């Protein structure tokens, strides 16, 4: 496992992301309400660059005919087919078996680092 510097803490404003290349991998780094998360820029469905998709929220569990919107800015939606993934964990919203790879983030002296291993 190795740490790779990707940006200074203030370079990614809340609600935005950047895409970086590390060891031949395209990785999206997101600022979600002041916390940083990193995911592989590859949708497991058909390989779309998932980081080109919109960041949004989703409908929460509710009663029949009731729609409650929540988790704003925590979900990325694939630009090709709309598959949705949690930016914090990489887990899909529709199956426990499907996920996008996530990478641990660290902040040291105002510098953001991604941990990438084999």
PDB file of N, CA and C in Angstrom:
ATOM      1  N   UNK A   1       0.849  -1.183   0.000  1.00  0.00           N
ATOM      2  CA  UNK A   1       0.000   0.000   0.000  1.00  0.00           C
ATOM      3  C   UNK A   1       0.892   1.243   0.000  1.00  0.00           C
ATOM      4  N   UNK A   2       0.517   2.201  -0.823  1.00  0.00           N
ATOM      5  CA  UNK A   2       1.303   3.433  -0.922  1.00  0.00           C
ATOM      6  C   UNK A   2       0.373   4.636  -0.872  1.00  0.00           C
ATOM      7  N   UNK A   3       0.887   5.722  -0.316  1.00  0.00           N
ATOM      8  CA  UNK A   3       0.146   6.990  -0.274  1.00  0.00           C
ATOM      9  C   UNK A   3       0.554   7.847  -1.453  1.00  0.00           C
ATOM     10  N   UNK A   4      -0.439   8.432  -2.119  1.00  0.00           N
ATOM     11  CA  UNK A   4      -0.190   9.312  -3.253  1.00  0.00           C
ATOM     12  C   UNK A   4      -0.837  10.666  -2.999  1.00  0.00           C
ATOM     13  N   UNK A   5      -0.066  11.754  -3.095  1.00  0.00           N
ATOM     14  CA  UNK A   5      -0.671  13.077  -2.932  1.00  0.00           C
ATOM     15  C   UNK A   5      -1.523  13.405  -4.157  1.00  0.00           C
ATOM     16  N   UNK A   6      -2.715  13.992  -3.923  1.00  0.00           N
ATOM     17  CA  UNK A   6      -3.594  14.291  -5.050  1.00  0.00           C
ATOM     18  C   UNK A   6      -3.976  15.763  -5.146  1.00  0.00           C
ATOM     19  N   UNK A   7      -4.026  16.464  -4.017  1.00  0.00           N
ATOM     20  CA  UNK A   7      -4.425  17.874  -4.038  1.00  0.00           C
ATOM     21  C   UNK A   7      -4.229  18.457  -2.649  1.00  0.00           C
ATOM     22  N   UNK A   8      -4.259  19.771  -2.591  1.00  0.00           N
ATOM     23  CA  UNK A   8      -4.309  20.436  -1.290  1.00  0.00           C
ATOM     24  C   UNK A   8      -5.759  20.466  -0.835  1.00  0.00           C
ATOM     25  N   UNK A   9      -5.977  20.492   0.446  1.00  0.00           N
ATOM     26  CA  UNK A   9      -7.320  20.392   1.005  1.00  0.00           C
ATOM     27  C   UNK A   9      -8.291  21.410   0.416  1.00  0.00           C
ATOM     28  N   UNK A  10      -7.886  22.650   0.202  1.00  0.00           N
ATOM     29  CA  UNK A  10      -8.783  23.680  -0.313  1.00  0.00           C
ATOM     30  C   UNK A  10      -8.987  23.671  -1.813  1.00  0.00           C
ATOM     31  N   UNK A  11      -8.294  22.804  -2.536  1.00  0.00           N
ATOM     32  CA  UNK A  11      -8.372  22.797  -3.996  1.00  0.00           C
ATOM     33  C   UNK A  11      -9.617  22.094  -4.543  1.00  0.00           C
ATOM     34  N   UNK A  12     -10.320  21.352  -3.700  1.00  0.00           N
ATOM     35  CA  UNK A  12     -11.542  20.674  -4.139  1.00  0.00           C
ATOM     36  C   UNK A  12     -12.681  21.228  -3.289  1.00  0.00           C
ATOM     37  N   UNK A  13     -13.416  22.212  -3.796  1.00  0.00           N
ATOM     38  CA  UNK A  13     -14.517  22.805  -3.014  1.00  0.00           C
ATOM     39  C   UNK A  13     -15.616  21.783  -2.708  1.00  0.00           C
ATOM     40  N   UNK A  14     -16.374  22.045  -1.669  1.00  0.00           N
ATOM     41  CA  UNK A  14     -17.501  21.190  -1.295  1.00  0.00           C
ATOM     42  C   UNK A  14     -18.423  21.015  -2.500  1.00  0.00           C
ATOM     43  N   UNK A  15     -18.833  19.779  -2.741  1.00  0.00           N
ATOM     44  CA  UNK A  15     -19.756  19.483  -3.835  1.00  0.00           C
ATOM     45  C   UNK A  15     -19.093  19.301  -5.190  1.00  0.00           C
ATOM     46  N   UNK A  16     -17.761  19.278  -5.224  1.00  0.00           N
ATOM     47  CA  UNK A  16     -17.062  19.098  -6.501  1.00  0.00           C
ATOM     48  C   UNK A  16     -16.133  17.889  -6.418  1.00  0.00           C
ATOM     49  N   UNK A  17     -15.525  17.565  -7.535  1.00  0.00           N
ATOM     50  CA  UNK A  17     -14.573  16.457  -7.579  1.00  0.00           C
ATOM     51  C   UNK A  17     -13.496  16.723  -8.618  1.00  0.00           C
ATOM     52  N   UNK A  18     -12.420  15.977  -8.500  1.00  0.00           N
ATOM     53  CA  UNK A  18     -11.376  15.963  -9.517  1.00  0.00           C
ATOM     54  C   UNK A  18     -11.113  14.507  -9.889  1.00  0.00           C
ATOM     55  N   UNK A  19     -10.514  14.293 -11.042  1.00  0.00           N
ATOM     56  CA  UNK A  19     -10.114  12.952 -11.462  1.00  0.00           C
ATOM     57  C   UNK A  19      -8.601  12.964 -11.611  1.00  0.00           C
ATOM     58  N   UNK A  20      -7.941  11.969 -10.998  1.00  0.00           N
ATOM     59  CA  UNK A  20      -6.480  11.855 -11.047  1.00  0.00           C
ATOM     60  C   UNK A  20      -6.107  10.477 -11.582  1.00  0.00           C
ATOM     61  N   UNK A  21      -4.895  10.364 -12.093  1.00  0.00           N
ATOM     62  CA  UNK A  21      -4.359   9.081 -12.555  1.00  0.00           C
ATOM     63  C   UNK A  21      -3.298   8.622 -11.562  1.00  0.00           C
ATOM     64  N   UNK A  22      -3.464   7.419 -11.023  1.00  0.00           N
ATOM     65  CA  UNK A  22      -2.500   6.839 -10.093  1.00  0.00           C
ATOM     66  C   UNK A  22      -2.265   5.392 -10.485  1.00  0.00           C
ATOM     67  N   UNK A  23      -1.025   5.045 -10.728  1.00  0.00           N
ATOM     68  CA  UNK A  23      -0.658   3.681 -11.126  1.00  0.00           C
ATOM     69  C   UNK A  23      -1.530   3.169 -12.272  1.00  0.00           C
ATOM     70  N   UNK A  24      -1.816   4.004 -13.241  1.00  0.00           N
ATOM     71  CA  UNK A  24      -2.623   3.620 -14.390  1.00  0.00           C
ATOM     72  C   UNK A  24      -4.113   3.539 -14.124  1.00  0.00           C
ATOM     73  N   UNK A  25      -4.554   3.966 -12.939  1.00  0.00           N
ATOM     74  CA  UNK A  25      -5.974   3.948 -12.580  1.00  0.00           C
ATOM     75  C   UNK A  25      -6.523   5.361 -12.579  1.00  0.00           C
ATOM     76  N   UNK A  26      -7.701   5.515 -13.135  1.00  0.00           N
ATOM     77  CA  UNK A  26      -8.408   6.785 -13.084  1.00  0.00           C
ATOM     78  C   UNK A  26      -9.257   6.774 -11.811  1.00  0.00           C
ATOM     79  N   UNK A  27      -9.040   7.770 -10.939  1.00  0.00           N
ATOM     80  CA  UNK A  27      -9.701   7.808  -9.635  1.00  0.00           C
ATOM     81  C   UNK A  27     -10.340   9.177  -9.437  1.00  0.00           C
ATOM     82  N   UNK A  28     -11.599   9.186  -9.029  1.00  0.00           N
ATOM     83  CA  UNK A  28     -12.305  10.426  -8.721  1.00  0.00           C
ATOM     84  C   UNK A  28     -12.209  10.723  -7.239  1.00  0.00           C
ATOM     85  N   UNK A  29     -11.867  11.971  -6.910  1.00  0.00           N
ATOM     86  CA  UNK A  29     -11.783  12.419  -5.518  1.00  0.00           C
ATOM     87  C   UNK A  29     -12.879  13.447  -5.305  1.00  0.00           C
ATOM     88  N   UNK A  30     -13.759  13.191  -4.337  1.00  0.00           N
ATOM     89  CA  UNK A  30     -14.950  14.002  -4.092  1.00  0.00           C
ATOM     90  C   UNK A  30     -14.885  14.667  -2.728  1.00  0.00           C
ATOM     91  N   UNK A  31     -15.351  15.917  -2.663  1.00  0.00           N
ATOM     92  CA  UNK A  31     -15.542  16.609  -1.396  1.00  0.00           C
ATOM     93  C   UNK A  31     -17.039  16.565  -1.098  1.00  0.00           C
ATOM     94  N   UNK A  32     -17.417  15.727  -0.135  1.00  0.00           N
ATOM     95  CA  UNK A  32     -18.815  15.558   0.255  1.00  0.00           C
ATOM     96  C   UNK A  32     -19.003  16.227   1.614  1.00  0.00           C
ATOM     97  N   UNK A  33     -19.534  17.431   1.584  1.00  0.00           N
ATOM     98  CA  UNK A  33     -19.789  18.182   2.817  1.00  0.00           C
ATOM     99  C   UNK A  33     -18.558  18.278   3.713  1.00  0.00           C
ATOM    100  N   UNK A  34     -17.404  18.514   3.096  1.00  0.00           N
ATOM    101  CA  UNK A  34     -16.168  18.701   3.849  1.00  0.00           C
ATOM    102  C   UNK A  34     -15.373  17.439   4.130  1.00  0.00           C
ATOM    103  N   UNK A  35     -15.890  16.285   3.717  1.00  0.00           N
ATOM    104  CA  UNK A  35     -15.167  15.023   3.847  1.00  0.00           C
ATOM    105  C   UNK A  35     -14.747  14.572   2.451  1.00  0.00           C
ATOM    106  N   UNK A  36     -13.603  13.913   2.364  1.00  0.00           N
ATOM    107  CA  UNK A  36     -13.072  13.508   1.070  1.00  0.00           C
ATOM    108  C   UNK A  36     -13.183  12.002   0.886  1.00  0.00           C
ATOM    109  N   UNK A  37     -13.620  11.614  -0.328  1.00  0.00           N
ATOM    110  CA  UNK A  37     -13.789  10.213  -0.669  1.00  0.00           C
ATOM    111  C   UNK A  37     -13.250   9.990  -2.076  1.00  0.00           C
ATOM    112  N   UNK A  38     -12.735   8.785  -2.323  1.00  0.00           N
ATOM    113  CA  UNK A  38     -12.167   8.465  -3.634  1.00  0.00           C
ATOM    114  C   UNK A  38     -12.761   7.161  -4.145  1.00  0.00           C
ATOM    115  N   UNK A  39     -13.132   7.159  -5.438  1.00  0.00           N
ATOM    116  CA  UNK A  39     -13.658   5.951  -6.085  1.00  0.00           C
ATOM    117  C   UNK A  39     -12.982   5.752  -7.442  1.00  0.00           C
ATOM    118  N   UNK A  40     -12.941   4.498  -7.858  1.00  0.00           N
ATOM    119  CA  UNK A  40     -12.421   4.155  -9.181  1.00  0.00           C
ATOM    120  C   UNK A  40     -13.372   4.726 -10.232  1.00  0.00           C
ATOM    121  N   UNK A  41     -12.830   5.376 -11.226  1.00  0.00           N
ATOM    122  CA  UNK A  41     -13.625   6.029 -12.270  1.00  0.00           C
ATOM    123  C   UNK A  41     -14.046   5.013 -13.337  1.00  0.00           C
ATOM    124  N   UNK A  42     -14.750   3.969 -12.888  1.00  0.00           N
ATOM    125  CA  UNK A  42     -15.129   2.877 -13.784  1.00  0.00           C
ATOM    126  C   UNK A  42     -16.406   2.238 -13.257  1.00  0.00           C
ATOM    127  N   UNK A  43     -17.479   2.328 -14.019  1.00  0.00           N
ATOM    128  CA  UNK A  43     -18.739   1.714 -13.609  1.00  0.00           C
ATOM    129  C   UNK A  43     -18.659   0.206 -13.844  1.00  0.00           C
ATOM    130  N   UNK A  44     -19.000  -0.619 -12.848  1.00  0.00           N
ATOM    131  CA  UNK A  44     -18.904  -2.065 -13.020  1.00  0.00           C
ATOM    132  C   UNK A  44     -19.917  -2.641 -14.003  1.00  0.00           C
ATOM    133  N   UNK A  45     -20.887  -1.853 -14.421  1.00  0.00           N
ATOM    134  CA  UNK A  45     -21.899  -2.348 -15.359  1.00  0.00           C
ATOM    135  C   UNK A  45     -21.313  -2.533 -16.760  1.00  0.00           C
ATOM    136  N   UNK A  46     -20.899  -1.403 -17.369  1.00  0.00           N
ATOM    137  CA  UNK A  46     -20.337  -1.502 -18.718  1.00  0.00           C
ATOM    138  C   UNK A  46     -19.132  -0.594 -18.927  1.00  0.00           C
ATOM    139  N   UNK A  47     -18.490  -0.188 -17.843  1.00  0.00           N
ATOM    140  CA  UNK A  47     -17.209   0.504 -17.955  1.00  0.00           C
ATOM    141  C   UNK A  47     -17.249   1.997 -18.200  1.00  0.00           C
ATOM    142  N   UNK A  48     -18.369   2.639 -17.996  1.00  0.00           N
ATOM    143  CA  UNK A  48     -18.440   4.099 -18.196  1.00  0.00           C
ATOM    144  C   UNK A  48     -17.548   4.816 -17.192  1.00  0.00           C
ATOM    145  N   UNK A  49     -17.108   6.007 -17.564  1.00  0.00           N
ATOM    146  CA  UNK A  49     -16.378   6.862 -16.622  1.00  0.00           C
ATOM    147  C   UNK A  49     -17.409   7.428 -15.643  1.00  0.00           C
ATOM    148  N   UNK A  50     -17.551   6.766 -14.520  1.00  0.00           N
ATOM    149  CA  UNK A  50     -18.619   7.100 -13.583  1.00  0.00           C
ATOM    150  C   UNK A  50     -18.481   8.510 -13.021  1.00  0.00           C
ATOM    151  N   UNK A  51     -17.263   9.020 -12.955  1.00  0.00           N
ATOM    152  CA  UNK A  51     -17.049  10.357 -12.392  1.00  0.00           C
ATOM    153  C   UNK A  51     -17.552  11.475 -13.301  1.00  0.00           C
ATOM    154  N   UNK A  52     -17.996  11.129 -14.516  1.00  0.00           N
ATOM    155  CA  UNK A  52     -18.637  12.107 -15.392  1.00  0.00           C
ATOM    156  C   UNK A  52     -20.131  12.207 -15.118  1.00  0.00           C
ATOM    157  N   UNK A  53     -20.627  11.322 -14.257  1.00  0.00           N
ATOM    158  CA  UNK A  53     -22.044  11.320 -13.911  1.00  0.00           C
ATOM    159  C   UNK A  53     -22.369  12.366 -12.854  1.00  0.00           C
ATOM    160  N   UNK A  54     -23.657  12.679 -12.703  1.00  0.00           N
ATOM    161  CA  UNK A  54     -24.045  13.697 -11.727  1.00  0.00           C
ATOM    162  C   UNK A  54     -23.929  13.179 -10.291  1.00  0.00           C
ATOM    163  N   UNK A  55     -23.616  14.103  -9.401  1.00  0.00           N
ATOM    164  CA  UNK A  55     -23.631  13.817  -7.969  1.00  0.00           C
ATOM    165  C   UNK A  55     -24.957  14.340  -7.445  1.00  0.00           C
ATOM    166  N   UNK A  56     -25.677  13.500  -6.723  1.00  0.00           N
ATOM    167  CA  UNK A  56     -27.036  13.840  -6.323  1.00  0.00           C
ATOM    168  C   UNK A  56     -27.373  13.157  -5.011  1.00  0.00           C
ATOM    169  N   UNK A  57     -28.642  13.099  -4.706  1.00  0.00           N
ATOM    170  CA  UNK A  57     -29.151  12.348  -3.574  1.00  0.00           C
ATOM    171  C   UNK A  57     -30.014  11.227  -4.118  1.00  0.00           C
ATOM    172  N   UNK A  58     -30.906  10.723  -3.279  1.00  0.00           N
ATOM    173  CA  UNK A  58     -31.758   9.630  -3.710  1.00  0.00           C
ATOM    174  C   UNK A  58     -33.056   9.628  -2.916  1.00  0.00           C
ATOM    175  N   UNK A  59     -34.004   8.849  -3.355  1.00  0.00           N
ATOM    176  CA  UNK A  59     -35.242   8.682  -2.597  1.00  0.00           C
ATOM    177  C   UNK A  59     -34.970   7.765  -1.411  1.00  0.00           C
ATOM    178  N   UNK A  60     -35.450   8.176  -0.245  1.00  0.00           N
ATOM    179  CA  UNK A  60     -35.258   7.420   0.978  1.00  0.00           C
ATOM    180  C   UNK A  60     -36.434   6.464   1.181  1.00  0.00           C
ATOM    181  N   UNK A  61     -36.228   5.486   2.045  1.00  0.00           N
ATOM    182  CA  UNK A  61     -37.303   4.562   2.392  1.00  0.00           C
ATOM    183  C   UNK A  61     -38.475   5.351   2.956  1.00  0.00           C
ATOM    184  N   UNK A  62     -39.679   5.027   2.498  1.00  0.00           N
ATOM    185  CA  UNK A  62     -40.859   5.783   2.943  1.00  0.00           C
ATOM    186  C   UNK A  62     -42.118   4.956   2.737  1.00  0.00           C
ATOM    187  N   UNK A  63     -43.214   5.520   3.125  1.00  0.00           N
ATOM    188  CA  UNK A  63     -44.515   4.873   2.956  1.00  0.00           C
ATOM    189  C   UNK A  63     -44.914   4.894   1.469  1.00  0.00           C
ATOM    190  N   UNK A  64     -45.879   4.089   1.111  1.00  0.00           N
ATOM    191  CA  UNK A  64     -46.396   4.051  -0.255  1.00  0.00           C
ATOM    192  C   UNK A  64     -46.919   5.440  -0.629  1.00  0.00           C
ATOM    193  N   UNK A  65     -46.598   5.889  -1.837  1.00  0.00           N
ATOM    194  CA  UNK A  65     -46.986   7.188  -2.391  1.00  0.00           C
ATOM    195  C   UNK A  65     -46.351   8.369  -1.654  1.00  0.00           C
ATOM    196  N   UNK A  66     -45.371   8.111  -0.852  1.00  0.00           N
ATOM    197  CA  UNK A  66     -44.642   9.186  -0.175  1.00  0.00           C
ATOM    198  C   UNK A  66     -43.213   9.165  -0.711  1.00  0.00           C
ATOM    199  N   UNK A  67     -42.696  10.313  -1.080  1.00  0.00           N
ATOM    200  CA  UNK A  67     -41.357  10.389  -1.633  1.00  0.00           C
ATOM    201  C   UNK A  67     -40.528  11.343  -0.782  1.00  0.00           C
ATOM    202  N   UNK A  68     -39.456  10.806  -0.212  1.00  0.00           N
ATOM    203  CA  UNK A  68     -38.580  11.604   0.640  1.00  0.00           C
ATOM    204  C   UNK A  68     -37.190  11.608   0.018  1.00  0.00           C
ATOM    205  N   UNK A  69     -36.722  12.796  -0.335  1.00  0.00           N
ATOM    206  CA  UNK A  69     -35.399  12.948  -0.936  1.00  0.00           C
ATOM    207  C   UNK A  69     -34.370  13.109   0.179  1.00  0.00           C
ATOM    208  N   UNK A  70     -33.237  12.428   0.070  1.00  0.00           N
ATOM    209  CA  UNK A  70     -32.204  12.539   1.090  1.00  0.00           C
ATOM    210  C   UNK A  70     -30.829  12.205   0.551  1.00  0.00           C
ATOM    211  N   UNK A  71     -29.850  12.264   1.429  1.00  0.00           N
ATOM    212  CA  UNK A  71     -28.451  11.969   1.112  1.00  0.00           C
ATOM    213  C   UNK A  71     -27.930  12.841  -0.025  1.00  0.00           C
ATOM    214  N   UNK A  72     -28.348  14.092  -0.040  1.00  0.00           N
ATOM    215  CA  UNK A  72     -27.945  15.020  -1.097  1.00  0.00           C
ATOM    216  C   UNK A  72     -26.425  15.117  -1.187  1.00  0.00           C
ATOM    217  N   UNK A  73     -25.902  15.033  -2.402  1.00  0.00           N
ATOM    218  CA  UNK A  73     -24.489  15.127  -2.732  1.00  0.00           C
ATOM    219  C   UNK A  73     -23.662  13.939  -2.238  1.00  0.00           C
ATOM    220  N   UNK A  74     -24.308  12.806  -1.909  1.00  0.00           N
ATOM    221  CA  UNK A  74     -23.597  11.611  -1.448  1.00  0.00           C
ATOM    222  C   UNK A  74     -23.633  10.469  -2.455  1.00  0.00           C
ATOM    223  N   UNK A  75     -24.356  10.655  -3.559  1.00  0.00           N
ATOM    224  CA  UNK A  75     -24.572   9.582  -4.528  1.00  0.00           C
ATOM    225  C   UNK A  75     -24.053  10.028  -5.899  1.00  0.00           C
ATOM    226  N   UNK A  76     -23.333   9.138  -6.587  1.00  0.00           N
ATOM    227  CA  UNK A  76     -22.945   9.407  -7.969  1.00  0.00           C
ATOM    228  C   UNK A  76     -23.755   8.472  -8.860  1.00  0.00           C
ATOM    229  N   UNK A  77     -24.248   9.025  -9.956  1.00  0.00           N
ATOM    230  CA  UNK A  77     -25.076   8.270 -10.901  1.00  0.00           C
ATOM    231  C   UNK A  77     -24.302   8.088 -12.202  1.00  0.00           C
ATOM    232  N   UNK A  78     -24.213   6.858 -12.652  1.00  0.00           N
ATOM    233  CA  UNK A  78     -23.497   6.567 -13.896  1.00  0.00           C
ATOM    234  C   UNK A  78     -24.133   7.336 -15.048  1.00  0.00           C
ATOM    235  N   UNK A  79     -23.315   7.997 -15.883  1.00  0.00           N
ATOM    236  CA  UNK A  79     -23.866   8.794 -16.982  1.00  0.00           C
ATOM    237  C   UNK A  79     -24.457   7.948 -18.112  1.00  0.00           C
ATOM    238  N   UNK A  80     -24.146   6.668 -18.180  1.00  0.00           N
ATOM    239  CA  UNK A  80     -24.657   5.838 -19.258  1.00  0.00           C
ATOM    240  C   UNK A  80     -26.017   5.230 -18.941  1.00  0.00           C
ATOM    241  N   UNK A  81     -26.150   4.563 -17.802  1.00  0.00           N
ATOM    242  CA  UNK A  81     -27.374   3.808 -17.520  1.00  0.00           C
ATOM    243  C   UNK A  81     -28.012   4.123 -16.177  1.00  0.00           C
ATOM    244  N   UNK A  82     -27.476   5.093 -15.460  1.00  0.00           N
ATOM    245  CA  UNK A  82     -28.121   5.562 -14.242  1.00  0.00           C
ATOM    246  C   UNK A  82     -27.886   4.730 -12.990  1.00  0.00           C
ATOM    247  N   UNK A  83     -26.958   3.788 -13.024  1.00  0.00           N
ATOM    248  CA  UNK A  83     -26.674   3.023 -11.816  1.00  0.00           C
ATOM    249  C   UNK A  83     -26.145   3.987 -10.762  1.00  0.00           C
ATOM    250  N   UNK A  84     -26.586   3.845  -9.513  1.00  0.00           N
ATOM    251  CA  UNK A  84     -26.220   4.779  -8.446  1.00  0.00           C
ATOM    252  C   UNK A  84     -25.333   4.110  -7.401  1.00  0.00           C
ATOM    253  N   UNK A  85     -24.324   4.879  -6.949  1.00  0.00           N
ATOM    254  CA  UNK A  85     -23.352   4.381  -5.983  1.00  0.00           C
ATOM    255  C   UNK A  85     -23.125   5.407  -4.879  1.00  0.00           C
ATOM    256  N   UNK A  86     -22.926   4.898  -3.672  1.00  0.00           N
ATOM    257  CA  UNK A  86     -22.630   5.719  -2.505  1.00  0.00           C
ATOM    258  C   UNK A  86     -21.175   6.180  -2.597  1.00  0.00           C
ATOM    259  N   UNK A  87     -20.943   7.474  -2.596  1.00  0.00           N
ATOM    260  CA  UNK A  87     -19.575   7.997  -2.694  1.00  0.00           C
ATOM    261  C   UNK A  87     -18.734   7.658  -1.466  1.00  0.00           C
ATOM    262  N   UNK A  88     -19.365   7.466  -0.339  1.00  0.00           N
ATOM    263  CA  UNK A  88     -18.618   7.193   0.895  1.00  0.00           C
ATOM    264  C   UNK A  88     -18.111   5.752   0.976  1.00  0.00           C
ATOM    265  N   UNK A  89     -18.844   4.822   0.371  1.00  0.00           N
ATOM    266  CA  UNK A  89     -18.498   3.407   0.506  1.00  0.00           C
ATOM    267  C   UNK A  89     -18.234   2.692  -0.819  1.00  0.00           C
ATOM    268  N   UNK A  90     -18.735   3.245  -1.916  1.00  0.00           N
ATOM    269  CA  UNK A  90     -18.641   2.593  -3.213  1.00  0.00           C
ATOM    270  C   UNK A  90     -19.753   1.593  -3.459  1.00  0.00           C
ATOM    271  N   UNK A  91     -20.589   1.342  -2.458  1.00  0.00           N
ATOM    272  CA  UNK A  91     -21.664   0.361  -2.599  1.00  0.00           C
ATOM    273  C   UNK A  91     -22.760   0.889  -3.521  1.00  0.00           C
ATOM    274  N   UNK A  92     -23.345  -0.029  -4.295  1.00  0.00           N
ATOM    275  CA  UNK A  92     -24.473   0.360  -5.138  1.00  0.00           C
ATOM    276  C   UNK A  92     -25.709   0.507  -4.272  1.00  0.00           C
ATOM    277  N   UNK A  93     -26.689   1.245  -4.772  1.00  0.00           N
ATOM    278  CA  UNK A  93     -27.927   1.423  -4.033  1.00  0.00           C
ATOM    279  C   UNK A  93     -28.935   0.325  -4.336  1.00  0.00           C
ATOM    280  N   UNK A  94     -28.605  -0.569  -5.263  1.00  0.00           N
ATOM    281  CA  UNK A  94     -29.586  -1.557  -5.710  1.00  0.00           C
ATOM    282  C   UNK A  94     -29.198  -2.992  -5.419  1.00  0.00           C
ATOM    283  N   UNK A  95     -27.960  -3.266  -5.018  1.00  0.00           N
ATOM    284  CA  UNK A  95     -27.529  -4.645  -4.788  1.00  0.00           C
ATOM    285  C   UNK A  95     -26.347  -4.674  -3.833  1.00  0.00           C
ATOM    286  N   UNK A  96     -26.349  -5.640  -2.937  1.00  0.00           N
ATOM    287  CA  UNK A  96     -25.214  -5.816  -2.028  1.00  0.00           C
ATOM    288  C   UNK A  96     -24.007  -6.424  -2.739  1.00  0.00           C
ATOM    289  N   UNK A  97     -24.205  -6.924  -3.950  1.00  0.00           N
ATOM    290  CA  UNK A  97     -23.141  -7.611  -4.676  1.00  0.00           C
ATOM    291  C   UNK A  97     -22.406  -6.725  -5.669  1.00  0.00           C
ATOM    292  N   UNK A  98     -22.898  -5.506  -5.896  1.00  0.00           N
ATOM    293  CA  UNK A  98     -22.299  -4.620  -6.896  1.00  0.00           C
ATOM    294  C   UNK A  98     -21.754  -3.382  -6.190  1.00  0.00           C
ATOM    295  N   UNK A  99     -20.537  -3.019  -6.556  1.00  0.00           N
ATOM    296  CA  UNK A  99     -19.934  -1.830  -5.975  1.00  0.00           C
ATOM    297  C   UNK A  99     -18.870  -1.281  -6.924  1.00  0.00           C
ATOM    298  N   UNK A 100     -18.533  -0.035  -6.709  1.00  0.00           N
ATOM    299  CA  UNK A 100     -17.399   0.564  -7.401  1.00  0.00           C
ATOM    300  C   UNK A 100     -16.280   0.613  -6.356  1.00  0.00           C
ATOM    301  N   UNK A 101     -15.070   0.375  -6.778  1.00  0.00           N
ATOM    302  CA  UNK A 101     -13.964   0.342  -5.819  1.00  0.00           C
ATOM    303  C   UNK A 101     -13.767   1.709  -5.179  1.00  0.00           C
ATOM    304  N   UNK A 102     -13.583   1.708  -3.869  1.00  0.00           N
ATOM    305  CA  UNK A 102     -13.286   2.951  -3.157  1.00  0.00           C
ATOM    306  C   UNK A 102     -11.870   2.865  -2.596  1.00  0.00           C
ATOM    307  N   UNK A 103     -11.276   4.025  -2.365  1.00  0.00           N
ATOM    308  CA  UNK A 103      -9.909   4.104  -1.875  1.00  0.00           C
ATOM    309  C   UNK A 103      -9.874   4.954  -0.610  1.00  0.00           C
ATOM    310  N   UNK A 104      -9.101   4.523   0.405  1.00  0.00           N
ATOM    311  CA  UNK A 104      -8.987   5.330   1.620  1.00  0.00           C
ATOM    312  C   UNK A 104      -8.289   6.659   1.348  1.00  0.00           C
ATOM    313  N   UNK A 105      -8.775   7.697   2.026  1.00  0.00           N
ATOM    314  CA  UNK A 105      -8.196   9.039   1.915  1.00  0.00           C
ATOM    315  C   UNK A 105      -7.598   9.430   3.263  1.00  0.00           C
ATOM    316  N   UNK A 106      -6.553  10.242   3.215  1.00  0.00           N
ATOM    317  CA  UNK A 106      -5.946  10.800   4.422  1.00  0.00           C
ATOM    318  C   UNK A 106      -5.629  12.260   4.176  1.00  0.00           C
ATOM    319  N   UNK A 107      -5.622  13.035   5.245  1.00  0.00           N
ATOM    320  CA  UNK A 107      -5.189  14.430   5.179  1.00  0.00           C
ATOM    321  C   UNK A 107      -4.013  14.580   6.131  1.00  0.00           C
ATOM    322  N   UNK A 108      -2.900  15.073   5.592  1.00  0.00           N
ATOM    323  CA  UNK A 108      -1.704  15.325   6.396  1.00  0.00           C
ATOM    324  C   UNK A 108      -1.183  16.706   6.056  1.00  0.00           C
ATOM    325  N   UNK A 109      -1.164  17.580   7.052  1.00  0.00           N
ATOM    326  CA  UNK A 109      -0.659  18.950   6.872  1.00  0.00           C
ATOM    327  C   UNK A 109      -1.325  19.659   5.694  1.00  0.00           C
ATOM    328  N   UNK A 110      -2.642  19.473   5.542  1.00  0.00           N
ATOM    329  CA  UNK A 110      -3.398  20.150   4.484  1.00  0.00           C
ATOM    330  C   UNK A 110      -3.296  19.510   3.115  1.00  0.00           C
ATOM    331  N   UNK A 111      -2.577  18.406   3.013  1.00  0.00           N
ATOM    332  CA  UNK A 111      -2.416  17.688   1.744  1.00  0.00           C
ATOM    333  C   UNK A 111      -3.313  16.452   1.746  1.00  0.00           C
ATOM    334  N   UNK A 112      -4.040  16.222   0.646  1.00  0.00           N
ATOM    335  CA  UNK A 112      -4.884  15.043   0.505  1.00  0.00           C
ATOM    336  C   UNK A 112      -4.088  13.911  -0.127  1.00  0.00           C
ATOM    337  N   UNK A 113      -4.227  12.732   0.457  1.00  0.00           N
ATOM    338  CA  UNK A 113      -3.547  11.538  -0.042  1.00  0.00           C
ATOM    339  C   UNK A 113      -4.552  10.419  -0.274  1.00  0.00           C
ATOM    340  N   UNK A 114      -4.296   9.614  -1.309  1.00  0.00           N
ATOM    341  CA  UNK A 114      -5.060   8.393  -1.571  1.00  0.00           C
ATOM    342  C   UNK A 114      -4.147   7.215  -1.280  1.00  0.00           C
ATOM    343  N   UNK A 115      -4.706   6.195  -0.639  1.00  0.00           N
ATOM    344  CA  UNK A 115      -3.976   4.960  -0.401  1.00  0.00           C
ATOM    345  C   UNK A 115      -4.349   3.973  -1.500  1.00  0.00           C
ATOM    346  N   UNK A 116      -3.340   3.541  -2.251  1.00  0.00           N
ATOM    347  CA  UNK A 116      -3.564   2.593  -3.345  1.00  0.00           C
ATOM    348  C   UNK A 116      -2.638   1.416  -3.134  1.00  0.00           C
ATOM    349  N   UNK A 117      -3.193   0.210  -3.258  1.00  0.00           N
ATOM    350  CA  UNK A 117      -2.397  -1.012  -3.127  1.00  0.00           C
ATOM    351  C   UNK A 117      -2.659  -1.936  -4.282  1.00  0.00           C
ATOM    352  N   UNK A 118      -2.003  -3.005  -4.293  1.00  0.00           N
ATOM    353  CA  UNK A 118      -2.134  -3.993  -5.370  1.00  0.00           C
ATOM    354  C   UNK A 118      -3.421  -4.740  -5.282  1.00  0.00           C
TER     355      UNK A 118
END
